[in-house]
């Protein structure tokens, strides 16, 4: 569903609840990485700041887990997940 020059961003689990959104669309730009996108979103402040905080956020690009240095491209789907904890 992403437009030609856009990236779809999805949030899961508590991130979806705390940010009060399941997804959004951002414009792709040359050299944008998943980590930079996370930082850009965190700069919105409020609950968004947690994206760049002490707790790591897991990242998937096009449904494959990846690292923050992954370069993003138009049409990509990026998903952010809170860290998984178990008991």
N, C-alpha and C. Protein backbone atom coordinates (compact mmCIF):
# COMPACT_ATOMS: atom_id res chain seq x y z
N UNK A 1 0.81 -1.20 0.00
CA UNK A 1 0.00 0.00 0.00
C UNK A 1 0.85 1.27 0.00
N UNK A 2 2.14 1.13 0.19
CA UNK A 2 3.00 2.30 0.24
C UNK A 2 3.04 2.98 -1.13
N UNK A 3 3.02 4.30 -1.11
CA UNK A 3 3.14 5.05 -2.36
C UNK A 3 4.57 4.91 -2.86
N UNK A 4 4.79 5.38 -4.08
CA UNK A 4 6.08 5.16 -4.74
C UNK A 4 7.30 5.59 -3.93
N UNK A 5 7.24 6.74 -3.26
CA UNK A 5 8.42 7.24 -2.57
C UNK A 5 8.26 7.17 -1.05
N UNK A 6 7.39 6.28 -0.57
CA UNK A 6 7.12 6.20 0.86
C UNK A 6 7.56 4.89 1.47
N UNK A 7 7.73 4.94 2.78
CA UNK A 7 8.03 3.77 3.59
C UNK A 7 6.87 3.61 4.56
N UNK A 8 6.36 2.41 4.70
CA UNK A 8 5.31 2.12 5.67
C UNK A 8 5.97 1.68 6.97
N UNK A 9 5.56 2.28 8.06
CA UNK A 9 6.11 1.96 9.38
C UNK A 9 4.99 1.37 10.22
N UNK A 10 5.24 0.20 10.81
CA UNK A 10 4.24 -0.46 11.64
C UNK A 10 4.79 -0.64 13.05
N UNK A 11 3.90 -0.57 14.02
CA UNK A 11 4.25 -0.72 15.43
C UNK A 11 3.46 -1.89 16.01
N UNK A 12 4.12 -2.67 16.86
CA UNK A 12 3.48 -3.86 17.42
C UNK A 12 3.56 -3.87 18.94
N UNK A 13 2.67 -4.68 19.54
CA UNK A 13 2.61 -4.91 20.98
C UNK A 13 2.45 -3.58 21.73
N UNK A 14 3.20 -3.40 22.82
CA UNK A 14 3.00 -2.21 23.65
C UNK A 14 3.35 -0.92 22.92
N UNK A 15 4.23 -0.98 21.91
CA UNK A 15 4.54 0.24 21.16
C UNK A 15 3.29 0.77 20.47
N UNK A 16 2.51 -0.13 19.90
CA UNK A 16 1.27 0.27 19.22
C UNK A 16 0.33 0.96 20.21
N UNK A 17 0.22 0.38 21.41
CA UNK A 17 -0.67 0.94 22.42
C UNK A 17 -0.16 2.29 22.92
N UNK A 18 1.13 2.36 23.25
CA UNK A 18 1.68 3.57 23.85
C UNK A 18 1.80 4.72 22.86
N UNK A 19 2.00 4.41 21.59
CA UNK A 19 2.09 5.46 20.56
C UNK A 19 0.72 5.78 19.97
N UNK A 20 -0.26 4.97 20.32
CA UNK A 20 -1.64 5.15 19.87
C UNK A 20 -1.75 5.15 18.35
N UNK A 21 -0.93 4.30 17.71
CA UNK A 21 -1.04 4.13 16.26
C UNK A 21 -0.49 2.76 15.88
N UNK A 22 -1.09 2.15 14.87
CA UNK A 22 -0.60 0.86 14.39
C UNK A 22 0.39 1.05 13.25
N UNK A 23 0.23 2.14 12.49
CA UNK A 23 1.12 2.36 11.35
C UNK A 23 1.10 3.81 10.92
N UNK A 24 2.11 4.18 10.17
CA UNK A 24 2.19 5.50 9.57
C UNK A 24 3.05 5.40 8.33
N UNK A 25 3.05 6.45 7.55
CA UNK A 25 3.83 6.49 6.32
C UNK A 25 4.82 7.64 6.41
N UNK A 26 6.07 7.38 6.03
CA UNK A 26 7.08 8.43 5.99
C UNK A 26 7.69 8.47 4.60
N UNK A 27 8.21 9.63 4.25
CA UNK A 27 8.84 9.76 2.94
C UNK A 27 10.23 9.16 2.98
N UNK A 28 10.54 8.37 1.98
CA UNK A 28 11.88 7.79 1.86
C UNK A 28 12.84 8.89 1.46
N UNK A 29 14.06 8.80 1.95
CA UNK A 29 15.09 9.73 1.51
C UNK A 29 16.39 8.96 1.37
N UNK A 30 17.26 9.39 0.48
CA UNK A 30 18.50 8.66 0.21
C UNK A 30 19.33 8.46 1.48
N UNK A 31 19.78 7.23 1.69
CA UNK A 31 20.65 6.93 2.82
C UNK A 31 19.96 6.74 4.15
N UNK A 32 18.63 6.85 4.18
CA UNK A 32 17.90 6.67 5.44
C UNK A 32 18.07 5.24 5.93
N UNK A 33 18.45 5.10 7.18
CA UNK A 33 18.57 3.76 7.78
C UNK A 33 17.43 3.56 8.76
N UNK A 34 17.22 2.31 9.15
CA UNK A 34 16.18 1.98 10.13
C UNK A 34 16.46 2.69 11.45
N UNK A 35 17.73 2.75 11.84
CA UNK A 35 18.09 3.43 13.08
C UNK A 35 17.82 4.92 13.02
N UNK A 36 18.10 5.55 11.87
CA UNK A 36 17.83 6.98 11.73
C UNK A 36 16.33 7.24 11.75
N UNK A 37 15.56 6.36 11.13
CA UNK A 37 14.11 6.50 11.16
C UNK A 37 13.61 6.44 12.60
N UNK A 38 14.13 5.49 13.37
CA UNK A 38 13.77 5.36 14.78
C UNK A 38 14.08 6.65 15.52
N UNK A 39 15.27 7.19 15.28
CA UNK A 39 15.68 8.44 15.93
C UNK A 39 14.77 9.59 15.51
N UNK A 40 14.47 9.69 14.22
CA UNK A 40 13.59 10.75 13.72
C UNK A 40 12.22 10.70 14.40
N UNK A 41 11.68 9.49 14.53
CA UNK A 41 10.37 9.34 15.18
C UNK A 41 10.46 9.70 16.66
N UNK A 42 11.56 9.34 17.31
CA UNK A 42 11.74 9.64 18.74
C UNK A 42 11.76 11.14 18.99
N UNK A 43 12.22 11.90 18.00
CA UNK A 43 12.29 13.35 18.16
C UNK A 43 10.92 14.02 18.21
N UNK A 44 9.87 13.25 17.98
CA UNK A 44 8.51 13.79 18.12
C UNK A 44 8.21 14.10 19.59
N UNK A 45 8.97 13.47 20.49
CA UNK A 45 8.78 13.71 21.92
C UNK A 45 7.66 12.88 22.51
N UNK A 46 7.38 13.11 23.76
CA UNK A 46 6.33 12.37 24.47
C UNK A 46 6.64 10.88 24.46
N UNK A 47 5.63 10.07 24.24
CA UNK A 47 5.82 8.62 24.21
C UNK A 47 6.74 8.17 23.08
N UNK A 48 6.86 8.99 22.04
CA UNK A 48 7.73 8.65 20.91
C UNK A 48 9.19 8.59 21.33
N UNK A 49 9.57 9.35 22.36
CA UNK A 49 10.97 9.42 22.80
C UNK A 49 11.51 8.06 23.20
N UNK A 50 10.64 7.16 23.64
CA UNK A 50 11.09 5.82 24.06
C UNK A 50 11.73 5.04 22.91
N UNK A 51 11.44 5.41 21.67
CA UNK A 51 12.00 4.68 20.54
C UNK A 51 13.52 4.82 20.47
N UNK A 52 14.04 5.89 21.06
CA UNK A 52 15.47 6.15 21.02
C UNK A 52 16.06 6.09 22.43
N UNK A 53 15.38 5.37 23.31
CA UNK A 53 15.76 5.35 24.71
C UNK A 53 16.63 4.17 25.08
N UNK A 54 16.65 3.88 26.36
CA UNK A 54 17.52 2.84 26.92
C UNK A 54 17.09 1.43 26.49
N UNK A 55 15.79 1.24 26.30
CA UNK A 55 15.31 -0.09 25.93
C UNK A 55 15.42 -0.27 24.42
N UNK A 56 16.08 -1.33 24.00
CA UNK A 56 16.22 -1.55 22.56
C UNK A 56 14.87 -1.85 21.89
N UNK A 57 14.78 -1.48 20.64
CA UNK A 57 13.59 -1.77 19.85
C UNK A 57 14.03 -2.72 18.74
N UNK A 58 13.28 -3.79 18.57
CA UNK A 58 13.59 -4.75 17.52
C UNK A 58 13.04 -4.21 16.19
N UNK A 59 13.78 -4.47 15.11
CA UNK A 59 13.44 -3.92 13.80
C UNK A 59 13.32 -5.04 12.76
N UNK A 60 12.26 -4.96 11.97
CA UNK A 60 12.12 -5.85 10.82
C UNK A 60 11.88 -4.98 9.59
N UNK A 61 12.54 -5.31 8.50
CA UNK A 61 12.31 -4.63 7.22
C UNK A 61 11.83 -5.68 6.23
N UNK A 62 10.66 -5.45 5.67
CA UNK A 62 10.03 -6.39 4.74
C UNK A 62 9.94 -7.79 5.36
N UNK A 63 9.57 -7.80 6.64
CA UNK A 63 9.31 -9.02 7.43
C UNK A 63 10.56 -9.84 7.74
N UNK A 64 11.74 -9.24 7.62
CA UNK A 64 12.98 -9.89 8.02
C UNK A 64 13.64 -9.08 9.11
N UNK A 65 13.99 -9.72 10.22
CA UNK A 65 14.65 -9.02 11.32
C UNK A 65 15.97 -8.46 10.81
N UNK A 66 16.30 -7.25 11.26
CA UNK A 66 17.51 -6.58 10.77
C UNK A 66 18.10 -5.70 11.85
N UNK A 67 19.19 -5.05 11.52
CA UNK A 67 19.90 -4.16 12.43
C UNK A 67 19.61 -2.70 12.06
N UNK A 68 19.90 -1.77 13.00
CA UNK A 68 19.61 -0.35 12.74
C UNK A 68 20.34 0.24 11.54
N UNK A 69 21.44 -0.36 11.12
CA UNK A 69 22.19 0.23 9.99
C UNK A 69 21.64 -0.18 8.63
N UNK A 70 20.53 -0.90 8.60
CA UNK A 70 19.90 -1.32 7.35
C UNK A 70 19.37 -0.10 6.60
N UNK A 71 19.82 0.08 5.36
CA UNK A 71 19.35 1.19 4.53
C UNK A 71 17.95 0.88 4.03
N UNK A 72 17.09 1.89 4.11
CA UNK A 72 15.70 1.74 3.68
C UNK A 72 15.51 2.30 2.28
N UNK A 73 14.52 1.75 1.59
CA UNK A 73 14.23 2.13 0.21
C UNK A 73 12.74 2.39 0.04
N UNK A 74 12.35 3.21 -0.94
CA UNK A 74 10.92 3.43 -1.19
C UNK A 74 10.20 2.09 -1.35
N UNK A 75 9.02 2.01 -0.74
CA UNK A 75 8.23 0.80 -0.81
C UNK A 75 8.50 -0.19 0.30
N UNK A 76 9.56 0.03 1.10
CA UNK A 76 9.85 -0.88 2.21
C UNK A 76 8.77 -0.78 3.28
N UNK A 77 8.63 -1.88 4.01
CA UNK A 77 7.78 -1.91 5.19
C UNK A 77 8.70 -2.15 6.38
N UNK A 78 8.68 -1.23 7.33
CA UNK A 78 9.51 -1.32 8.53
C UNK A 78 8.59 -1.57 9.72
N UNK A 79 8.94 -2.54 10.53
CA UNK A 79 8.15 -2.84 11.73
C UNK A 79 9.04 -2.71 12.96
N UNK A 80 8.51 -2.07 13.99
CA UNK A 80 9.21 -1.91 15.25
C UNK A 80 8.48 -2.69 16.33
N UNK A 81 9.24 -3.46 17.11
CA UNK A 81 8.70 -4.29 18.18
C UNK A 81 9.44 -3.95 19.47
N UNK A 82 8.74 -4.04 20.61
CA UNK A 82 9.46 -3.91 21.87
C UNK A 82 10.30 -5.16 22.09
N UNK A 83 11.30 -5.09 22.98
CA UNK A 83 12.09 -6.29 23.26
C UNK A 83 11.18 -7.40 23.80
N UNK A 84 11.50 -8.62 23.43
CA UNK A 84 10.72 -9.76 23.89
C UNK A 84 11.26 -10.20 25.25
N UNK A 85 10.35 -10.34 26.20
CA UNK A 85 10.77 -10.86 27.50
C UNK A 85 10.00 -12.13 27.78
N UNK A 86 10.61 -13.00 28.49
CA UNK A 86 9.96 -14.28 28.76
C UNK A 86 10.09 -14.64 30.22
N UNK A 87 9.42 -15.70 30.58
CA UNK A 87 9.47 -16.10 31.97
C UNK A 87 9.48 -17.59 32.09
